[in-house]
């Protein structure tokens, strides 16, 4: 049975998500200069005070959309059925495949694009991406049951996130799931890129 503390946590998370989703939608519709915090709370259906309990400014709320992952139940189901002898590299591969859906990749790419257009947003986006990386590292470390050196999981996650970031800012020509397959300038698909990246890691490149 769920206790009151768990219910409060779930309610707080739901509120933070609603505010972040509203801020993100407004940023896409109007640009960062086209709305204020009051617009966010009106769209989400909360008060200005509630917003202040979660975010310091509209930029932080917009960036928080990067860490919202609609599919956590699927990830949890996979973790519960995880083979305890699976090596960290394979665990990380499956977690990345589950998390980096077309929807999530599209959102991350749009946030990176917004941060280029509105520099005040950039530090909040980078902070949100760092939170994603830390969460991945902590999850990987926990699932590895301390069978590997402490720095090993940090190294793996850092390498993978470092390889994904250039896809989001457009530095590498890789076709993301949200993009049209007719974009001839893209030379590789995201799934193939991900497989190749992990192949390099497995072979010690």
C-alpha atoms as a PDB file:
ATOM      1  CA  UNK A   1       0.000   0.000   0.000  1.00  0.00           C
ATOM      2  CA  UNK A   2       1.314   3.443  -0.925  1.00  0.00           C
ATOM      3  CA  UNK A   3       2.093   5.690   2.044  1.00  0.00           C
ATOM      4  CA  UNK A   4       1.371   9.404   2.330  1.00  0.00           C
ATOM      5  CA  UNK A   5       4.984  10.348   1.663  1.00  0.00           C
ATOM      6  CA  UNK A   6       4.957   8.437  -1.635  1.00  0.00           C
ATOM      7  CA  UNK A   7       1.685  10.066  -2.626  1.00  0.00           C
ATOM      8  CA  UNK A   8       3.070  13.521  -1.856  1.00  0.00           C
ATOM      9  CA  UNK A   9       6.161  12.772  -3.924  1.00  0.00           C
ATOM     10  CA  UNK A  10       4.054  11.595  -6.868  1.00  0.00           C
ATOM     11  CA  UNK A  11       1.865  14.689  -6.643  1.00  0.00           C
ATOM     12  CA  UNK A  12       4.909  16.968  -6.534  1.00  0.00           C
ATOM     13  CA  UNK A  13       6.438  15.219  -9.540  1.00  0.00           C
ATOM     14  CA  UNK A  14       3.166  15.507 -11.460  1.00  0.00           C
ATOM     15  CA  UNK A  15       2.962  19.229 -10.723  1.00  0.00           C
ATOM     16  CA  UNK A  16       6.566  19.826 -11.802  1.00  0.00           C
ATOM     17  CA  UNK A  17       5.930  17.882 -15.003  1.00  0.00           C
ATOM     18  CA  UNK A  18       2.764  19.827 -15.822  1.00  0.00           C
ATOM     19  CA  UNK A  19       4.555  23.149 -15.345  1.00  0.00           C
ATOM     20  CA  UNK A  20       7.543  22.047 -17.427  1.00  0.00           C
ATOM     21  CA  UNK A  21       5.308  20.727 -20.221  1.00  0.00           C
ATOM     22  CA  UNK A  22       3.391  24.020 -20.293  1.00  0.00           C
ATOM     23  CA  UNK A  23       6.581  26.093 -20.363  1.00  0.00           C
ATOM     24  CA  UNK A  24       8.089  23.934 -23.106  1.00  0.00           C
ATOM     25  CA  UNK A  25       4.941  24.178 -25.249  1.00  0.00           C
ATOM     26  CA  UNK A  26       4.865  27.959 -24.870  1.00  0.00           C
ATOM     27  CA  UNK A  27       8.548  28.210 -25.797  1.00  0.00           C
ATOM     28  CA  UNK A  28       7.893  26.304 -29.020  1.00  0.00           C
ATOM     29  CA  UNK A  29       4.802  28.347 -29.831  1.00  0.00           C
ATOM     30  CA  UNK A  30       5.963  31.839 -28.901  1.00  0.00           C
ATOM     31  CA  UNK A  31       9.726  31.735 -28.392  1.00  0.00           C
ATOM     32  CA  UNK A  32      11.343  32.510 -25.056  1.00  0.00           C
ATOM     33  CA  UNK A  33      10.576  36.224 -25.393  1.00  0.00           C
ATOM     34  CA  UNK A  34       6.904  35.648 -26.158  1.00  0.00           C
ATOM     35  CA  UNK A  35       5.633  34.505 -22.770  1.00  0.00           C
ATOM     36  CA  UNK A  36       6.067  35.042 -19.030  1.00  0.00           C
ATOM     37  CA  UNK A  37       5.688  32.857 -15.936  1.00  0.00           C
ATOM     38  CA  UNK A  38       2.060  33.942 -15.577  1.00  0.00           C
ATOM     39  CA  UNK A  39       1.320  32.366 -18.964  1.00  0.00           C
ATOM     40  CA  UNK A  40       2.887  29.117 -17.787  1.00  0.00           C
ATOM     41  CA  UNK A  41       0.842  28.853 -14.605  1.00  0.00           C
ATOM     42  CA  UNK A  42      -2.377  29.748 -16.418  1.00  0.00           C
ATOM     43  CA  UNK A  43      -1.829  27.047 -19.014  1.00  0.00           C
ATOM     44  CA  UNK A  44      -0.841  24.434 -16.425  1.00  0.00           C
ATOM     45  CA  UNK A  45      -3.624  25.407 -14.017  1.00  0.00           C
ATOM     46  CA  UNK A  46      -1.474  26.264 -11.001  1.00  0.00           C
ATOM     47  CA  UNK A  47      -0.620  29.369  -9.009  1.00  0.00           C
ATOM     48  CA  UNK A  48       2.449  31.577  -9.272  1.00  0.00           C
ATOM     49  CA  UNK A  49       3.431  30.412  -5.786  1.00  0.00           C
ATOM     50  CA  UNK A  50       3.297  26.775  -6.861  1.00  0.00           C
ATOM     51  CA  UNK A  51       5.558  27.590  -9.795  1.00  0.00           C
ATOM     52  CA  UNK A  52       8.054  29.211  -7.417  1.00  0.00           C
ATOM     53  CA  UNK A  53       8.102  26.038  -5.332  1.00  0.00           C
ATOM     54  CA  UNK A  54       9.459  24.134  -8.322  1.00  0.00           C
ATOM     55  CA  UNK A  55      11.338  26.506 -10.610  1.00  0.00           C
ATOM     56  CA  UNK A  56      13.290  29.741 -10.240  1.00  0.00           C
ATOM     57  CA  UNK A  57      12.362  31.102 -13.680  1.00  0.00           C
ATOM     58  CA  UNK A  58      10.685  30.202 -16.960  1.00  0.00           C
ATOM     59  CA  UNK A  59      14.038  29.111 -18.458  1.00  0.00           C
ATOM     60  CA  UNK A  60      14.493  26.484 -15.764  1.00  0.00           C
ATOM     61  CA  UNK A  61      10.941  25.229 -16.332  1.00  0.00           C
ATOM     62  CA  UNK A  62      11.478  24.934 -20.086  1.00  0.00           C
ATOM     63  CA  UNK A  63      14.761  23.084 -19.605  1.00  0.00           C
ATOM     64  CA  UNK A  64      13.137  20.686 -17.141  1.00  0.00           C
ATOM     65  CA  UNK A  65      11.231  19.212 -20.079  1.00  0.00           C
ATOM     66  CA  UNK A  66      14.503  17.511 -21.041  1.00  0.00           C
ATOM     67  CA  UNK A  67      14.394  15.209 -18.021  1.00  0.00           C
ATOM     68  CA  UNK A  68      10.727  14.305 -18.376  1.00  0.00           C
ATOM     69  CA  UNK A  69      10.572  10.813 -19.763  1.00  0.00           C
ATOM     70  CA  UNK A  70       7.193   9.376 -20.716  1.00  0.00           C
ATOM     71  CA  UNK A  71       7.943   5.669 -20.542  1.00  0.00           C
ATOM     72  CA  UNK A  72       9.363   5.167 -17.076  1.00  0.00           C
ATOM     73  CA  UNK A  73       7.071   2.183 -16.425  1.00  0.00           C
ATOM     74  CA  UNK A  74       8.575   0.304 -19.368  1.00  0.00           C
ATOM     75  CA  UNK A  75      12.066   1.004 -18.052  1.00  0.00           C
ATOM     76  CA  UNK A  76      11.072  -0.151 -14.556  1.00  0.00           C
ATOM     77  CA  UNK A  77       9.598  -3.384 -15.934  1.00  0.00           C
ATOM     78  CA  UNK A  78      12.823  -4.067 -17.806  1.00  0.00           C
ATOM     79  CA  UNK A  79      14.926  -3.400 -14.705  1.00  0.00           C
ATOM     80  CA  UNK A  80      12.791  -5.736 -12.576  1.00  0.00           C
ATOM     81  CA  UNK A  81      13.422  -8.580 -15.038  1.00  0.00           C
ATOM     82  CA  UNK A  82      17.086  -7.781 -15.523  1.00  0.00           C
ATOM     83  CA  UNK A  83      19.622 -10.600 -15.538  1.00  0.00           C
ATOM     84  CA  UNK A  84      21.884  -9.730 -12.590  1.00  0.00           C
ATOM     85  CA  UNK A  85      24.926 -10.975 -14.498  1.00  0.00           C
ATOM     86  CA  UNK A  86      24.471  -8.591 -17.440  1.00  0.00           C
ATOM     87  CA  UNK A  87      27.549  -6.429 -17.896  1.00  0.00           C
ATOM     88  CA  UNK A  88      27.254  -2.626 -17.406  1.00  0.00           C
ATOM     89  CA  UNK A  89      27.828  -1.883 -21.092  1.00  0.00           C
ATOM     90  CA  UNK A  90      24.853  -4.011 -22.140  1.00  0.00           C
ATOM     91  CA  UNK A  91      22.704  -2.558 -19.338  1.00  0.00           C
ATOM     92  CA  UNK A  92      23.518   0.958 -20.516  1.00  0.00           C
ATOM     93  CA  UNK A  93      22.794   0.038 -24.138  1.00  0.00           C
ATOM     94  CA  UNK A  94      19.297  -1.191 -23.291  1.00  0.00           C
ATOM     95  CA  UNK A  95      18.586   1.774 -21.022  1.00  0.00           C
ATOM     96  CA  UNK A  96      19.585   4.199 -23.773  1.00  0.00           C
ATOM     97  CA  UNK A  97      17.377   2.389 -26.296  1.00  0.00           C
ATOM     98  CA  UNK A  98      14.430   2.597 -23.902  1.00  0.00           C
ATOM     99  CA  UNK A  99      14.972   6.217 -22.939  1.00  0.00           C
ATOM    100  CA  UNK A 100      16.008   7.795 -26.220  1.00  0.00           C
ATOM    101  CA  UNK A 101      12.696   7.336 -27.990  1.00  0.00           C
ATOM    102  CA  UNK A 102      11.755   9.369 -31.055  1.00  0.00           C
ATOM    103  CA  UNK A 103       9.671  11.653 -28.818  1.00  0.00           C
ATOM    104  CA  UNK A 104      12.447  12.248 -26.295  1.00  0.00           C
ATOM    105  CA  UNK A 105      15.133  12.769 -28.933  1.00  0.00           C
ATOM    106  CA  UNK A 106      12.900  15.244 -30.730  1.00  0.00           C
ATOM    107  CA  UNK A 107      12.347  17.174 -27.533  1.00  0.00           C
ATOM    108  CA  UNK A 108      16.057  17.257 -26.706  1.00  0.00           C
ATOM    109  CA  UNK A 109      16.897  18.451 -30.201  1.00  0.00           C
ATOM    110  CA  UNK A 110      14.292  21.223 -30.027  1.00  0.00           C
ATOM    111  CA  UNK A 111      15.601  22.330 -26.644  1.00  0.00           C
ATOM    112  CA  UNK A 112      19.151  22.498 -28.004  1.00  0.00           C
ATOM    113  CA  UNK A 113      17.883  24.553 -30.929  1.00  0.00           C
ATOM    114  CA  UNK A 114      16.062  26.923 -28.563  1.00  0.00           C
ATOM    115  CA  UNK A 115      19.199  27.329 -26.470  1.00  0.00           C
ATOM    116  CA  UNK A 116      21.114  28.497 -29.552  1.00  0.00           C
ATOM    117  CA  UNK A 117      18.455  31.089 -30.323  1.00  0.00           C
ATOM    118  CA  UNK A 118      18.050  32.204 -26.703  1.00  0.00           C
ATOM    119  CA  UNK A 119      21.428  32.124 -24.872  1.00  0.00           C
ATOM    120  CA  UNK A 120      19.817  32.655 -21.439  1.00  0.00           C
ATOM    121  CA  UNK A 121      18.317  29.181 -21.791  1.00  0.00           C
ATOM    122  CA  UNK A 122      21.612  27.402 -22.474  1.00  0.00           C
ATOM    123  CA  UNK A 123      22.943  26.955 -18.898  1.00  0.00           C
ATOM    124  CA  UNK A 124      19.608  25.471 -17.827  1.00  0.00           C
ATOM    125  CA  UNK A 125      19.599  23.052 -20.768  1.00  0.00           C
ATOM    126  CA  UNK A 126      23.154  21.952 -20.004  1.00  0.00           C
ATOM    127  CA  UNK A 127      22.206  21.484 -16.348  1.00  0.00           C
ATOM    128  CA  UNK A 128      19.212  19.342 -17.328  1.00  0.00           C
ATOM    129  CA  UNK A 129      21.354  17.187 -19.618  1.00  0.00           C
ATOM    130  CA  UNK A 130      23.841  16.790 -16.791  1.00  0.00           C
ATOM    131  CA  UNK A 131      20.992  15.589 -14.539  1.00  0.00           C
ATOM    132  CA  UNK A 132      20.098  12.973 -17.141  1.00  0.00           C
ATOM    133  CA  UNK A 133      23.707  11.802 -17.204  1.00  0.00           C
ATOM    134  CA  UNK A 134      23.976  11.619 -13.413  1.00  0.00           C
ATOM    135  CA  UNK A 135      20.722   9.652 -13.169  1.00  0.00           C
ATOM    136  CA  UNK A 136      21.965   7.202 -15.805  1.00  0.00           C
ATOM    137  CA  UNK A 137      25.259   6.763 -13.972  1.00  0.00           C
ATOM    138  CA  UNK A 138      23.564   6.182 -10.612  1.00  0.00           C
ATOM    139  CA  UNK A 139      21.152   3.674 -12.150  1.00  0.00           C
ATOM    140  CA  UNK A 140      23.953   1.817 -13.902  1.00  0.00           C
ATOM    141  CA  UNK A 141      26.044   1.697 -10.742  1.00  0.00           C
ATOM    142  CA  UNK A 142      23.118   0.355  -8.721  1.00  0.00           C
ATOM    143  CA  UNK A 143      22.257  -2.313 -11.285  1.00  0.00           C
ATOM    144  CA  UNK A 144      25.907  -3.403 -11.496  1.00  0.00           C
ATOM    145  CA  UNK A 145      25.805  -4.291  -7.770  1.00  0.00           C
ATOM    146  CA  UNK A 146      29.252  -2.783  -7.117  1.00  0.00           C
ATOM    147  CA  UNK A 147      30.920  -5.514  -9.179  1.00  0.00           C
ATOM    148  CA  UNK A 148      33.047  -2.958 -11.017  1.00  0.00           C
ATOM    149  CA  UNK A 149      35.349  -0.067  -9.982  1.00  0.00           C
ATOM    150  CA  UNK A 150      33.519   3.123  -9.045  1.00  0.00           C
ATOM    151  CA  UNK A 151      34.998   5.071 -11.943  1.00  0.00           C
ATOM    152  CA  UNK A 152      33.973   2.493 -14.552  1.00  0.00           C
ATOM    153  CA  UNK A 153      30.293   3.419 -14.726  1.00  0.00           C
ATOM    154  CA  UNK A 154      31.200   7.122 -14.792  1.00  0.00           C
ATOM    155  CA  UNK A 155      33.500   6.466 -17.746  1.00  0.00           C
ATOM    156  CA  UNK A 156      30.882   4.497 -19.690  1.00  0.00           C
ATOM    157  CA  UNK A 157      28.050   6.967 -19.172  1.00  0.00           C
ATOM    158  CA  UNK A 158      30.296   9.950 -19.864  1.00  0.00           C
ATOM    159  CA  UNK A 159      31.458   8.410 -23.150  1.00  0.00           C
ATOM    160  CA  UNK A 160      27.911   7.610 -24.288  1.00  0.00           C
ATOM    161  CA  UNK A 161      26.410  10.983 -23.393  1.00  0.00           C
ATOM    162  CA  UNK A 162      29.409  12.710 -24.923  1.00  0.00           C
ATOM    163  CA  UNK A 163      28.708  10.871 -28.179  1.00  0.00           C
ATOM    164  CA  UNK A 164      24.971  11.672 -28.148  1.00  0.00           C
ATOM    165  CA  UNK A 165      25.305  15.422 -27.557  1.00  0.00           C
ATOM    166  CA  UNK A 166      26.729  16.189 -31.056  1.00  0.00           C
ATOM    167  CA  UNK A 167      23.617  14.591 -32.557  1.00  0.00           C
ATOM    168  CA  UNK A 168      21.356  16.969 -30.669  1.00  0.00           C
ATOM    169  CA  UNK A 169      23.212  20.165 -31.584  1.00  0.00           C
ATOM    170  CA  UNK A 170      23.613  19.144 -35.229  1.00  0.00           C
ATOM    171  CA  UNK A 171      27.398  18.699 -35.162  1.00  0.00           C
ATOM    172  CA  UNK A 172      27.065  15.187 -36.624  1.00  0.00           C
ATOM    173  CA  UNK A 173      24.957  14.284 -39.643  1.00  0.00           C
ATOM    174  CA  UNK A 174      22.869  11.501 -38.166  1.00  0.00           C
ATOM    175  CA  UNK A 175      19.214  10.935 -39.055  1.00  0.00           C
ATOM    176  CA  UNK A 176      17.139  11.071 -35.869  1.00  0.00           C
ATOM    177  CA  UNK A 177      13.808   9.190 -35.674  1.00  0.00           C
ATOM    178  CA  UNK A 178      11.871  12.478 -35.736  1.00  0.00           C
ATOM    179  CA  UNK A 179      13.430  13.518 -39.030  1.00  0.00           C
ATOM    180  CA  UNK A 180      12.290  12.608 -42.534  1.00  0.00           C
ATOM    181  CA  UNK A 181      14.141   9.743 -44.211  1.00  0.00           C
ATOM    182  CA  UNK A 182      14.269  11.882 -47.367  1.00  0.00           C
ATOM    183  CA  UNK A 183      16.819  14.226 -45.786  1.00  0.00           C
ATOM    184  CA  UNK A 184      19.673  13.282 -48.075  1.00  0.00           C
ATOM    185  CA  UNK A 185      22.277  15.251 -46.107  1.00  0.00           C
ATOM    186  CA  UNK A 186      22.017  12.770 -43.235  1.00  0.00           C
ATOM    187  CA  UNK A 187      24.444   9.898 -43.679  1.00  0.00           C
ATOM    188  CA  UNK A 188      23.457   7.527 -40.895  1.00  0.00           C
ATOM    189  CA  UNK A 189      20.447   6.561 -38.776  1.00  0.00           C
ATOM    190  CA  UNK A 190      20.359   7.055 -35.027  1.00  0.00           C
ATOM    191  CA  UNK A 191      19.942   3.325 -34.302  1.00  0.00           C
ATOM    192  CA  UNK A 192      22.941   2.466 -36.469  1.00  0.00           C
ATOM    193  CA  UNK A 193      24.994   5.227 -34.876  1.00  0.00           C
ATOM    194  CA  UNK A 194      24.099   3.968 -31.393  1.00  0.00           C
ATOM    195  CA  UNK A 195      25.001   0.390 -32.319  1.00  0.00           C
ATOM    196  CA  UNK A 196      28.312   1.516 -33.814  1.00  0.00           C
ATOM    197  CA  UNK A 197      29.152   3.613 -30.756  1.00  0.00           C
ATOM    198  CA  UNK A 198      28.571   0.686 -28.397  1.00  0.00           C
ATOM    199  CA  UNK A 199      30.545  -1.596 -30.716  1.00  0.00           C
ATOM    200  CA  UNK A 200      33.504   0.750 -30.330  1.00  0.00           C
ATOM    201  CA  UNK A 201      33.144   0.616 -26.557  1.00  0.00           C
ATOM    202  CA  UNK A 202      32.934  -3.192 -26.550  1.00  0.00           C
ATOM    203  CA  UNK A 203      36.064  -3.469 -28.641  1.00  0.00           C
ATOM    204  CA  UNK A 204      38.026  -0.913 -26.648  1.00  0.00           C
ATOM    205  CA  UNK A 205      38.315   1.716 -29.398  1.00  0.00           C
END
